[in-house]
């Protein structure tokens, strides 16, 4: 069976290096690594509110131990991210993905709010570009322009060997510049009972 990313990328899936294919393979997977989380201090109140809604991480840090567990249930892929800070504080960020038509995915941070993204492969790197934010109200999927919320989303992931990859997630607002970033290095592996 094909993973959501494999379906979104189509023939470009074969252009991904093994580490990135392992990261997005169908079934249960686990990525282990460390991330840096950074944002301007002025974003703290906004991120605290978003944290209540299940969106993003509202605590900055460097070299934060991170475990990402993924599993597929029906047509959804569930992501459980656990960040353990050096002082022992644990922050979780959970979401689920669905297909959003040909070549696109939506990551929902709760049953209502999501980010629609278009992944592409360029020079063996996986690039995502944010298309829009969405609000799902029953059967309706209402578009929310990026500029109206946090800004434009970009993600770049690159394999550094057969099992490891680096990733860089950024939110850049047209007026306020970069308002959030997390980046890190991970090892991708198949998981059991994730």
N, C-alpha and C. Protein backbone atom coordinates (compact mmCIF):
# COMPACT_ATOMS: atom_id res chain seq x y z
N UNK A 1 0.84 -1.18 0.00
CA UNK A 1 0.00 0.00 0.00
C UNK A 1 0.88 1.25 0.00
N UNK A 2 0.43 2.31 -0.65
CA UNK A 2 1.20 3.53 -0.76
C UNK A 2 0.92 4.45 0.42
N UNK A 3 1.98 5.16 0.85
CA UNK A 3 1.82 6.14 1.92
C UNK A 3 1.16 7.40 1.35
N UNK A 4 0.70 8.29 2.25
CA UNK A 4 0.10 9.55 1.79
C UNK A 4 1.11 10.36 0.98
N UNK A 5 2.36 10.40 1.45
CA UNK A 5 3.37 11.17 0.72
C UNK A 5 3.64 10.55 -0.65
N UNK A 6 3.68 9.23 -0.70
CA UNK A 6 3.90 8.54 -1.96
C UNK A 6 2.78 8.87 -2.94
N UNK A 7 1.55 8.91 -2.46
CA UNK A 7 0.42 9.26 -3.31
C UNK A 7 0.49 10.72 -3.75
N UNK A 8 0.89 11.62 -2.84
CA UNK A 8 0.97 13.04 -3.19
C UNK A 8 2.07 13.31 -4.21
N UNK A 9 3.21 12.62 -4.09
CA UNK A 9 4.34 12.87 -4.99
C UNK A 9 4.21 12.14 -6.33
N UNK A 10 3.46 11.05 -6.37
CA UNK A 10 3.36 10.28 -7.61
C UNK A 10 4.71 9.73 -8.02
N UNK A 11 5.06 9.90 -9.29
CA UNK A 11 6.31 9.35 -9.82
C UNK A 11 7.54 9.97 -9.16
N UNK A 12 7.41 11.17 -8.61
CA UNK A 12 8.56 11.82 -7.95
C UNK A 12 8.98 11.10 -6.67
N UNK A 13 8.13 10.22 -6.13
CA UNK A 13 8.49 9.43 -4.95
C UNK A 13 9.83 8.72 -5.17
N UNK A 14 10.04 8.20 -6.38
CA UNK A 14 11.26 7.45 -6.68
C UNK A 14 12.51 8.33 -6.69
N UNK A 15 12.33 9.64 -6.71
CA UNK A 15 13.48 10.56 -6.66
C UNK A 15 13.94 10.82 -5.23
N UNK A 16 13.15 10.40 -4.23
CA UNK A 16 13.55 10.61 -2.84
C UNK A 16 14.63 9.63 -2.43
N UNK A 17 15.65 10.08 -1.70
CA UNK A 17 16.66 9.17 -1.16
C UNK A 17 16.05 8.22 -0.13
N UNK A 18 16.71 7.09 0.16
CA UNK A 18 16.18 6.09 1.09
C UNK A 18 15.77 6.64 2.46
N UNK A 19 16.53 7.56 3.03
CA UNK A 19 16.20 8.08 4.37
C UNK A 19 14.85 8.79 4.36
N UNK A 20 14.58 9.55 3.29
CA UNK A 20 13.31 10.26 3.21
C UNK A 20 12.16 9.30 2.87
N UNK A 21 12.43 8.28 2.06
CA UNK A 21 11.40 7.27 1.82
C UNK A 21 11.07 6.53 3.12
N UNK A 22 12.07 6.23 3.93
CA UNK A 22 11.82 5.57 5.22
C UNK A 22 11.00 6.48 6.14
N UNK A 23 11.28 7.76 6.10
CA UNK A 23 10.56 8.74 6.92
C UNK A 23 9.07 8.76 6.57
N UNK A 24 8.74 8.56 5.31
CA UNK A 24 7.35 8.66 4.84
C UNK A 24 6.73 7.34 4.41
N UNK A 25 7.38 6.23 4.70
CA UNK A 25 6.84 4.95 4.23
C UNK A 25 5.49 4.65 4.88
N UNK A 26 4.75 3.75 4.26
CA UNK A 26 3.45 3.35 4.79
C UNK A 26 3.65 2.54 6.06
N UNK A 27 2.73 2.67 7.00
CA UNK A 27 2.79 1.88 8.23
C UNK A 27 3.29 2.70 9.39
N UNK A 28 3.82 2.00 10.37
CA UNK A 28 4.31 2.65 11.58
C UNK A 28 5.79 2.97 11.43
N UNK A 29 6.14 4.23 11.73
CA UNK A 29 7.54 4.65 11.64
C UNK A 29 7.87 5.49 12.87
N UNK A 30 9.16 5.59 13.12
CA UNK A 30 9.63 6.41 14.24
C UNK A 30 10.90 7.14 13.81
N UNK A 31 10.93 8.44 14.07
CA UNK A 31 12.11 9.26 13.79
C UNK A 31 12.62 9.77 15.13
N UNK A 32 13.92 9.65 15.33
CA UNK A 32 14.53 10.09 16.57
C UNK A 32 15.66 11.06 16.25
N UNK A 33 15.68 12.18 16.99
CA UNK A 33 16.72 13.15 16.73
C UNK A 33 16.68 14.32 17.69
N UNK A 34 17.14 15.46 17.22
CA UNK A 34 17.18 16.67 18.04
C UNK A 34 16.81 17.86 17.17
N UNK A 35 16.08 18.80 17.79
CA UNK A 35 15.62 19.97 17.05
C UNK A 35 15.98 21.25 17.79
N UNK A 36 16.09 22.31 16.99
CA UNK A 36 16.15 23.67 17.51
C UNK A 36 14.79 24.30 17.22
N UNK A 37 14.21 24.97 18.22
CA UNK A 37 12.94 25.66 18.06
C UNK A 37 13.19 27.13 18.37
N UNK A 38 12.85 28.01 17.44
CA UNK A 38 13.12 29.43 17.66
C UNK A 38 12.01 30.29 17.09
N UNK A 39 11.79 31.41 17.77
CA UNK A 39 10.79 32.38 17.33
C UNK A 39 11.05 33.68 18.09
N UNK A 40 10.58 34.81 17.54
CA UNK A 40 10.75 36.09 18.25
C UNK A 40 9.97 36.07 19.57
N UNK A 41 10.51 36.71 20.57
CA UNK A 41 9.87 36.76 21.89
C UNK A 41 8.43 37.28 21.83
N UNK A 42 8.20 38.21 20.92
CA UNK A 42 6.86 38.79 20.78
C UNK A 42 5.82 37.76 20.36
N UNK A 43 6.26 36.61 19.83
CA UNK A 43 5.34 35.56 19.39
C UNK A 43 4.84 34.70 20.54
N UNK A 44 5.44 34.82 21.73
CA UNK A 44 5.10 33.91 22.83
C UNK A 44 3.60 33.88 23.15
N UNK A 45 2.92 35.03 23.32
CA UNK A 45 1.48 34.96 23.62
C UNK A 45 0.68 34.26 22.52
N UNK A 46 1.02 34.54 21.27
CA UNK A 46 0.34 33.91 20.14
C UNK A 46 0.57 32.39 20.15
N UNK A 47 1.81 31.98 20.39
CA UNK A 47 2.13 30.55 20.42
C UNK A 47 1.49 29.86 21.61
N UNK A 48 1.32 30.56 22.72
CA UNK A 48 0.62 29.97 23.87
C UNK A 48 -0.84 29.66 23.51
N UNK A 49 -1.48 30.59 22.80
CA UNK A 49 -2.86 30.35 22.35
C UNK A 49 -2.90 29.21 21.34
N UNK A 50 -1.97 29.23 20.38
CA UNK A 50 -1.93 28.16 19.39
C UNK A 50 -1.65 26.81 20.04
N UNK A 51 -0.84 26.81 21.11
CA UNK A 51 -0.57 25.57 21.84
C UNK A 51 -1.83 24.99 22.44
N UNK A 52 -2.72 25.83 22.94
CA UNK A 52 -4.00 25.37 23.48
C UNK A 52 -4.83 24.72 22.38
N UNK A 53 -4.71 25.25 21.16
CA UNK A 53 -5.44 24.70 20.01
C UNK A 53 -4.77 23.47 19.42
N UNK A 54 -3.56 23.14 19.92
CA UNK A 54 -2.84 21.97 19.42
C UNK A 54 -1.86 22.29 18.31
N UNK A 55 -1.64 23.57 18.03
CA UNK A 55 -0.78 23.96 16.92
C UNK A 55 0.61 24.38 17.39
N UNK A 56 1.61 23.92 16.71
CA UNK A 56 3.00 24.30 16.93
C UNK A 56 3.50 23.99 18.34
N UNK A 57 4.68 24.49 18.63
CA UNK A 57 5.35 24.28 19.92
C UNK A 57 5.56 25.66 20.52
N UNK A 58 5.18 25.84 21.78
CA UNK A 58 5.26 27.17 22.39
C UNK A 58 6.44 27.31 23.35
N UNK A 59 7.50 26.59 23.07
CA UNK A 59 8.70 26.67 23.91
C UNK A 59 9.92 26.59 23.00
N UNK A 60 10.80 27.58 23.10
CA UNK A 60 12.02 27.57 22.28
C UNK A 60 13.07 26.69 22.95
N UNK A 61 14.09 26.34 22.20
CA UNK A 61 15.17 25.54 22.76
C UNK A 61 16.14 25.09 21.68
N UNK A 62 17.32 24.68 22.13
CA UNK A 62 18.34 24.19 21.21
C UNK A 62 18.65 22.74 21.54
N UNK A 63 18.85 21.97 20.49
CA UNK A 63 19.23 20.56 20.62
C UNK A 63 18.24 19.80 21.52
N UNK A 64 16.95 19.99 21.23
CA UNK A 64 15.88 19.38 22.02
C UNK A 64 15.64 17.95 21.52
N UNK A 65 15.80 16.98 22.41
CA UNK A 65 15.58 15.58 22.02
C UNK A 65 14.14 15.42 21.54
N UNK A 66 13.98 14.85 20.33
CA UNK A 66 12.66 14.77 19.71
C UNK A 66 12.42 13.37 19.14
N UNK A 67 11.23 12.84 19.42
CA UNK A 67 10.80 11.57 18.86
C UNK A 67 9.50 11.82 18.11
N UNK A 68 9.45 11.37 16.86
CA UNK A 68 8.26 11.52 16.02
C UNK A 68 7.77 10.13 15.66
N UNK A 69 6.57 9.78 16.14
CA UNK A 69 5.97 8.48 15.84
C UNK A 69 4.82 8.70 14.88
N UNK A 70 4.78 7.87 13.82
CA UNK A 70 3.72 7.99 12.82
C UNK A 70 3.05 6.63 12.63
N UNK A 71 1.73 6.68 12.46
CA UNK A 71 0.99 5.46 12.16
C UNK A 71 -0.19 5.82 11.26
N UNK A 72 -0.65 4.84 10.51
CA UNK A 72 -1.75 5.04 9.58
C UNK A 72 -2.98 4.32 10.11
N UNK A 73 -4.10 5.03 10.12
CA UNK A 73 -5.39 4.45 10.46
C UNK A 73 -6.36 4.89 9.37
N UNK A 74 -6.83 3.94 8.58
CA UNK A 74 -7.71 4.28 7.47
C UNK A 74 -7.02 5.17 6.47
N UNK A 75 -7.61 6.33 6.20
CA UNK A 75 -7.07 7.29 5.24
C UNK A 75 -6.26 8.40 5.91
N UNK A 76 -5.97 8.25 7.20
CA UNK A 76 -5.23 9.27 7.94
C UNK A 76 -3.88 8.75 8.41
N UNK A 77 -2.91 9.64 8.43
CA UNK A 77 -1.62 9.34 9.05
C UNK A 77 -1.50 10.23 10.28
N UNK A 78 -1.31 9.59 11.43
CA UNK A 78 -1.20 10.31 12.70
C UNK A 78 0.26 10.52 13.06
N UNK A 79 0.58 11.73 13.47
CA UNK A 79 1.93 12.13 13.88
C UNK A 79 1.89 12.49 15.36
N UNK A 80 2.78 11.87 16.15
CA UNK A 80 2.94 12.23 17.57
C UNK A 80 4.39 12.67 17.78
N UNK A 81 4.57 13.95 18.05
CA UNK A 81 5.90 14.51 18.26
C UNK A 81 6.07 14.76 19.76
N UNK A 82 7.16 14.25 20.32
CA UNK A 82 7.45 14.47 21.74
C UNK A 82 8.82 15.12 21.84
N UNK A 83 8.84 16.34 22.37
CA UNK A 83 10.08 17.09 22.55
C UNK A 83 10.41 17.08 24.04
N UNK A 84 11.62 16.62 24.39
CA UNK A 84 12.06 16.58 25.77
C UNK A 84 13.22 17.56 25.93
N UNK A 85 12.97 18.63 26.68
CA UNK A 85 13.96 19.70 26.84
C UNK A 85 15.01 19.29 27.85
N UNK A 86 16.19 19.90 27.82
CA UNK A 86 17.28 19.54 28.74
C UNK A 86 16.89 19.56 30.21
N UNK A 87 15.92 20.41 30.60
CA UNK A 87 15.51 20.47 32.01
C UNK A 87 14.43 19.43 32.35
N UNK A 88 14.10 18.56 31.38
CA UNK A 88 13.11 17.51 31.62
C UNK A 88 11.70 17.86 31.19
N UNK A 89 11.43 19.12 30.86
CA UNK A 89 10.11 19.53 30.39
C UNK A 89 9.78 18.81 29.09
N UNK A 90 8.57 18.27 29.00
CA UNK A 90 8.13 17.55 27.81
C UNK A 90 6.98 18.32 27.15
N UNK A 91 7.10 18.54 25.85
CA UNK A 91 6.06 19.20 25.07
C UNK A 91 5.67 18.25 23.94
N UNK A 92 4.36 18.04 23.77
CA UNK A 92 3.86 17.17 22.69
C UNK A 92 3.15 18.01 21.64
N UNK A 93 3.30 17.61 20.41
CA UNK A 93 2.64 18.26 19.29
C UNK A 93 2.12 17.15 18.38
N UNK A 94 0.80 16.97 18.36
CA UNK A 94 0.19 15.89 17.59
C UNK A 94 -0.61 16.46 16.43
N UNK A 95 -0.71 15.67 15.36
CA UNK A 95 -1.47 16.10 14.20
C UNK A 95 -1.86 14.87 13.39
N UNK A 96 -2.70 15.09 12.38
CA UNK A 96 -2.96 14.01 11.42
C UNK A 96 -3.02 14.60 10.02
N UNK A 97 -2.63 13.75 9.06
CA UNK A 97 -2.58 14.15 7.66
C UNK A 97 -3.66 13.44 6.88
N UNK A 98 -4.16 14.13 5.84
CA UNK A 98 -5.06 13.52 4.86
C UNK A 98 -4.63 13.98 3.48
N UNK A 99 -5.05 13.25 2.45
CA UNK A 99 -4.84 13.72 1.07
C UNK A 99 -5.79 14.87 0.79
N UNK A 100 -5.34 15.80 -0.04
CA UNK A 100 -6.16 16.97 -0.39
C UNK A 100 -6.18 17.13 -1.91
N UNK A 101 -6.49 16.08 -2.60
CA UNK A 101 -6.47 16.14 -4.06
C UNK A 101 -5.08 15.80 -4.56
N UNK A 102 -4.93 15.86 -5.85
CA UNK A 102 -3.68 15.45 -6.47
C UNK A 102 -2.52 16.38 -6.08
N UNK A 103 -1.47 15.79 -5.54
CA UNK A 103 -0.26 16.54 -5.23
C UNK A 103 -0.31 17.40 -3.99
N UNK A 104 -1.33 17.22 -3.13
CA UNK A 104 -1.41 18.04 -1.92
C UNK A 104 -1.86 17.23 -0.72
N UNK A 105 -1.48 17.73 0.45
CA UNK A 105 -1.83 17.13 1.74
C UNK A 105 -2.37 18.22 2.66
N UNK A 106 -3.17 17.82 3.65
CA UNK A 106 -3.55 18.75 4.71
C UNK A 106 -3.13 18.13 6.03
N UNK A 107 -2.41 18.92 6.84
CA UNK A 107 -2.06 18.51 8.19
C UNK A 107 -2.98 19.23 9.15
N UNK A 108 -3.80 18.46 9.87
CA UNK A 108 -4.72 19.02 10.86
C UNK A 108 -4.07 18.93 12.24
N UNK A 109 -4.11 20.04 12.97
CA UNK A 109 -3.57 20.07 14.34
C UNK A 109 -4.68 19.83 15.36
N UNK A 110 -5.91 19.86 14.90
CA UNK A 110 -7.09 19.49 15.68
C UNK A 110 -8.18 19.18 14.65
N UNK A 111 -9.37 18.77 15.04
CA UNK A 111 -10.37 18.40 14.04
C UNK A 111 -10.82 19.53 13.12
N UNK A 112 -10.50 20.79 13.45
CA UNK A 112 -10.97 21.93 12.66
C UNK A 112 -9.85 22.60 11.86
N UNK A 113 -8.70 22.87 12.47
CA UNK A 113 -7.65 23.69 11.85
C UNK A 113 -6.58 22.86 11.16
N UNK A 114 -6.26 23.24 9.92
CA UNK A 114 -5.24 22.52 9.17
C UNK A 114 -4.43 23.43 8.27
N UNK A 115 -3.36 22.85 7.75
CA UNK A 115 -2.47 23.53 6.81
C UNK A 115 -2.42 22.68 5.54
N UNK A 116 -2.83 23.26 4.42
CA UNK A 116 -2.76 22.56 3.15
C UNK A 116 -1.39 22.83 2.53
N UNK A 117 -0.73 21.75 2.09
CA UNK A 117 0.64 21.86 1.59
C UNK A 117 0.79 21.11 0.27
N UNK A 118 1.73 21.58 -0.54
CA UNK A 118 2.06 20.95 -1.81
C UNK A 118 3.53 20.51 -1.77
N UNK A 119 3.79 19.19 -1.67
CA UNK A 119 5.18 18.72 -1.66
C UNK A 119 5.71 18.48 -3.08
N UNK A 120 7.00 18.78 -3.28
CA UNK A 120 7.67 18.49 -4.54
C UNK A 120 9.10 18.03 -4.24
N UNK A 121 9.69 17.35 -5.19
CA UNK A 121 11.08 16.90 -5.05
C UNK A 121 11.95 17.71 -6.01
N UNK A 122 13.01 18.34 -5.45
CA UNK A 122 13.97 19.09 -6.26
C UNK A 122 15.36 18.73 -5.79
N UNK A 123 16.19 18.25 -6.70
CA UNK A 123 17.57 17.89 -6.37
C UNK A 123 17.64 16.94 -5.17
N UNK A 124 16.81 15.92 -5.17
CA UNK A 124 16.75 14.90 -4.11
C UNK A 124 16.30 15.44 -2.75
N UNK A 125 15.84 16.67 -2.70
CA UNK A 125 15.31 17.25 -1.47
C UNK A 125 13.79 17.32 -1.58
N UNK A 126 13.13 17.15 -0.45
CA UNK A 126 11.68 17.29 -0.41
C UNK A 126 11.35 18.71 0.04
N UNK A 127 10.62 19.42 -0.80
CA UNK A 127 10.21 20.80 -0.52
C UNK A 127 8.69 20.83 -0.36
N UNK A 128 8.23 21.46 0.70
CA UNK A 128 6.80 21.72 0.85
C UNK A 128 6.61 23.21 0.72
N UNK A 129 5.49 23.59 0.14
CA UNK A 129 5.08 24.99 0.20
C UNK A 129 3.66 25.01 0.72
N UNK A 130 3.44 25.94 1.64
CA UNK A 130 2.09 26.10 2.15
C UNK A 130 1.19 26.66 1.06
N UNK A 131 0.01 26.10 0.94
CA UNK A 131 -0.97 26.59 -0.02
C UNK A 131 -1.93 27.55 0.67
N UNK A 132 -2.43 27.12 1.84
CA UNK A 132 -3.35 27.92 2.64
C UNK A 132 -3.61 27.19 3.94
N UNK A 133 -4.16 27.90 4.89
CA UNK A 133 -4.70 27.28 6.09
C UNK A 133 -6.16 26.97 5.81
N UNK A 134 -6.72 26.00 6.52
CA UNK A 134 -8.12 25.63 6.30
C UNK A 134 -8.81 25.47 7.65
N UNK A 135 -10.12 25.67 7.63
CA UNK A 135 -10.98 25.38 8.77
C UNK A 135 -12.06 24.42 8.28
N UNK A 136 -12.10 23.23 8.87
CA UNK A 136 -13.08 22.21 8.48
C UNK A 136 -14.28 22.31 9.41
N UNK A 137 -15.41 22.70 8.84
CA UNK A 137 -16.65 22.82 9.58
C UNK A 137 -17.65 21.85 8.97
N UNK A 138 -17.77 20.68 9.59
CA UNK A 138 -18.61 19.62 9.02
C UNK A 138 -18.07 19.24 7.66
N UNK A 139 -18.91 19.25 6.63
CA UNK A 139 -18.43 18.89 5.29
C UNK A 139 -17.71 20.03 4.57
N UNK A 140 -17.77 21.23 5.13
CA UNK A 140 -17.16 22.40 4.47
C UNK A 140 -15.69 22.54 4.84
N UNK A 141 -14.88 22.90 3.84
CA UNK A 141 -13.47 23.18 4.06
C UNK A 141 -13.25 24.64 3.68
N UNK A 142 -13.20 25.51 4.68
CA UNK A 142 -13.09 26.94 4.43
C UNK A 142 -11.63 27.36 4.32
N UNK A 143 -11.25 28.05 3.24
CA UNK A 143 -9.87 28.51 3.09
C UNK A 143 -9.58 29.72 3.96
N UNK A 144 -8.37 29.74 4.52
CA UNK A 144 -7.89 30.90 5.29
C UNK A 144 -6.57 31.31 4.65
N UNK A 145 -6.48 32.50 4.07
CA UNK A 145 -5.23 32.92 3.43
C UNK A 145 -4.07 32.93 4.43
N UNK A 146 -2.90 32.54 3.95
CA UNK A 146 -1.71 32.48 4.82
C UNK A 146 -1.41 33.82 5.48
N UNK A 147 -1.48 34.90 4.71
CA UNK A 147 -1.12 36.22 5.23
C UNK A 147 -2.03 36.65 6.37
N UNK A 148 -3.25 36.08 6.42
CA UNK A 148 -4.20 36.46 7.45
C UNK A 148 -3.87 35.83 8.80
N UNK A 149 -3.04 34.78 8.77
CA UNK A 149 -2.71 34.08 10.01
C UNK A 149 -1.21 34.24 10.27
N UNK A 150 -0.46 33.17 10.17
CA UNK A 150 0.97 33.19 10.54
C UNK A 150 1.92 33.46 9.38
N UNK A 151 1.43 33.41 8.15
CA UNK A 151 2.30 33.63 7.02
C UNK A 151 2.53 32.38 6.21
N UNK A 152 3.51 32.44 5.33
CA UNK A 152 3.80 31.37 4.38
C UNK A 152 4.66 30.28 5.03
N UNK A 153 4.27 29.05 4.77
CA UNK A 153 4.98 27.89 5.31
C UNK A 153 5.92 27.32 4.25
N UNK A 154 7.15 27.04 4.66
CA UNK A 154 8.08 26.28 3.81
C UNK A 154 8.73 25.21 4.68
N UNK A 155 8.93 24.06 4.07
CA UNK A 155 9.64 22.96 4.73
C UNK A 155 10.59 22.37 3.71
N UNK A 156 11.83 22.12 4.12
CA UNK A 156 12.80 21.45 3.26
C UNK A 156 13.38 20.30 4.07
N UNK A 157 13.40 19.12 3.45
CA UNK A 157 14.00 17.94 4.08
C UNK A 157 15.03 17.35 3.13
N UNK A 158 16.17 16.97 3.69
CA UNK A 158 17.29 16.48 2.87
C UNK A 158 17.95 15.29 3.56
N UNK A 159 18.14 14.20 2.81
CA UNK A 159 18.85 13.04 3.35
C UNK A 159 20.33 13.36 3.46
N UNK A 160 20.96 12.90 4.56
CA UNK A 160 22.40 13.09 4.70
C UNK A 160 23.15 11.77 4.64
N UNK A 161 22.44 10.66 4.75
CA UNK A 161 22.97 9.32 4.49
C UNK A 161 21.77 8.39 4.31
N UNK A 162 21.98 7.09 4.38
CA UNK A 162 20.91 6.12 4.11
C UNK A 162 19.79 6.16 5.15
N UNK A 163 20.08 6.59 6.38
CA UNK A 163 19.10 6.54 7.47
C UNK A 163 18.78 7.87 8.11
N UNK A 164 19.56 8.90 7.82
CA UNK A 164 19.41 10.18 8.51
C UNK A 164 19.00 11.29 7.54
N UNK A 165 18.24 12.24 8.06
CA UNK A 165 17.84 13.39 7.25
C UNK A 165 17.79 14.63 8.15
N UNK A 166 17.87 15.77 7.51
CA UNK A 166 17.70 17.05 8.21
C UNK A 166 16.43 17.70 7.68
N UNK A 167 15.80 18.49 8.54
CA UNK A 167 14.57 19.18 8.13
C UNK A 167 14.60 20.61 8.65
N UNK A 168 13.89 21.49 7.92
CA UNK A 168 13.82 22.90 8.28
C UNK A 168 12.41 23.40 7.97
N UNK A 169 11.67 23.76 9.01
CA UNK A 169 10.29 24.25 8.90
C UNK A 169 10.29 25.72 9.27
N UNK A 170 9.71 26.57 8.41
CA UNK A 170 9.67 28.01 8.68
C UNK A 170 8.30 28.59 8.36
N UNK A 171 7.90 29.53 9.18
CA UNK A 171 6.71 30.35 8.93
C UNK A 171 7.18 31.78 8.76
N UNK A 172 6.89 32.38 7.61
CA UNK A 172 7.34 33.74 7.31
C UNK A 172 6.15 34.60 6.94
N UNK A 173 5.91 35.62 7.74
CA UNK A 173 4.78 36.52 7.50
C UNK A 173 5.24 37.66 6.59
N UNK A 174 4.37 38.12 5.65
CA UNK A 174 4.80 39.19 4.74
C UNK A 174 5.13 40.51 5.43
N UNK A 175 4.54 40.76 6.60
CA UNK A 175 4.83 42.01 7.31
C UNK A 175 5.84 41.83 8.43
N UNK A 176 5.81 40.71 9.12
CA UNK A 176 6.61 40.52 10.34
C UNK A 176 7.84 39.65 10.15
N UNK A 177 8.06 39.13 8.95
CA UNK A 177 9.22 38.29 8.69
C UNK A 177 9.04 36.90 9.29
N UNK A 178 10.17 36.25 9.59
CA UNK A 178 10.11 34.89 10.13
C UNK A 178 9.54 34.91 11.55
N UNK A 179 8.40 34.22 11.73
CA UNK A 179 7.74 34.23 13.03
C UNK A 179 7.90 32.90 13.78
N UNK A 180 8.38 31.86 13.09
CA UNK A 180 8.58 30.57 13.75
C UNK A 180 9.49 29.71 12.89
N UNK A 181 10.35 28.93 13.57
CA UNK A 181 11.21 27.99 12.85
C UNK A 181 11.54 26.83 13.77
N UNK A 182 11.46 25.62 13.22
CA UNK A 182 12.13 24.51 13.89
C UNK A 182 12.87 23.70 12.86
N UNK A 183 14.02 23.20 13.27
CA UNK A 183 14.90 22.46 12.36
C UNK A 183 15.65 21.42 13.17
N UNK A 184 16.06 20.35 12.49
CA UNK A 184 16.78 19.32 13.23
C UNK A 184 17.29 18.20 12.34
N UNK A 185 17.91 17.24 13.00
CA UNK A 185 18.47 16.06 12.35
C UNK A 185 17.82 14.83 12.98
N UNK A 186 17.42 13.87 12.11
CA UNK A 186 16.70 12.69 12.58
C UNK A 186 17.21 11.42 11.93
N UNK A 187 16.98 10.31 12.63
CA UNK A 187 17.17 8.99 12.08
C UNK A 187 15.79 8.39 11.87
N UNK A 188 15.53 7.88 10.66
CA UNK A 188 14.23 7.30 10.32
C UNK A 188 14.31 5.78 10.43
N UNK A 189 13.26 5.18 11.04
CA UNK A 189 13.22 3.73 11.18
C UNK A 189 11.79 3.25 11.22
N UNK A 190 11.59 2.00 10.86
CA UNK A 190 10.27 1.39 11.00
C UNK A 190 9.97 1.23 12.47
N UNK A 191 8.72 1.37 12.84
CA UNK A 191 8.33 1.27 14.25
C UNK A 191 7.40 0.12 14.49
N UNK A 192 7.28 -0.27 15.73
CA UNK A 192 6.34 -1.29 16.13
C UNK A 192 5.43 -0.74 17.19
N UNK A 193 4.13 -0.89 16.99
CA UNK A 193 3.13 -0.42 17.95
C UNK A 193 3.33 1.05 18.30
N UNK A 194 3.53 1.85 17.28
CA UNK A 194 3.79 3.29 17.46
C UNK A 194 2.56 3.99 18.01
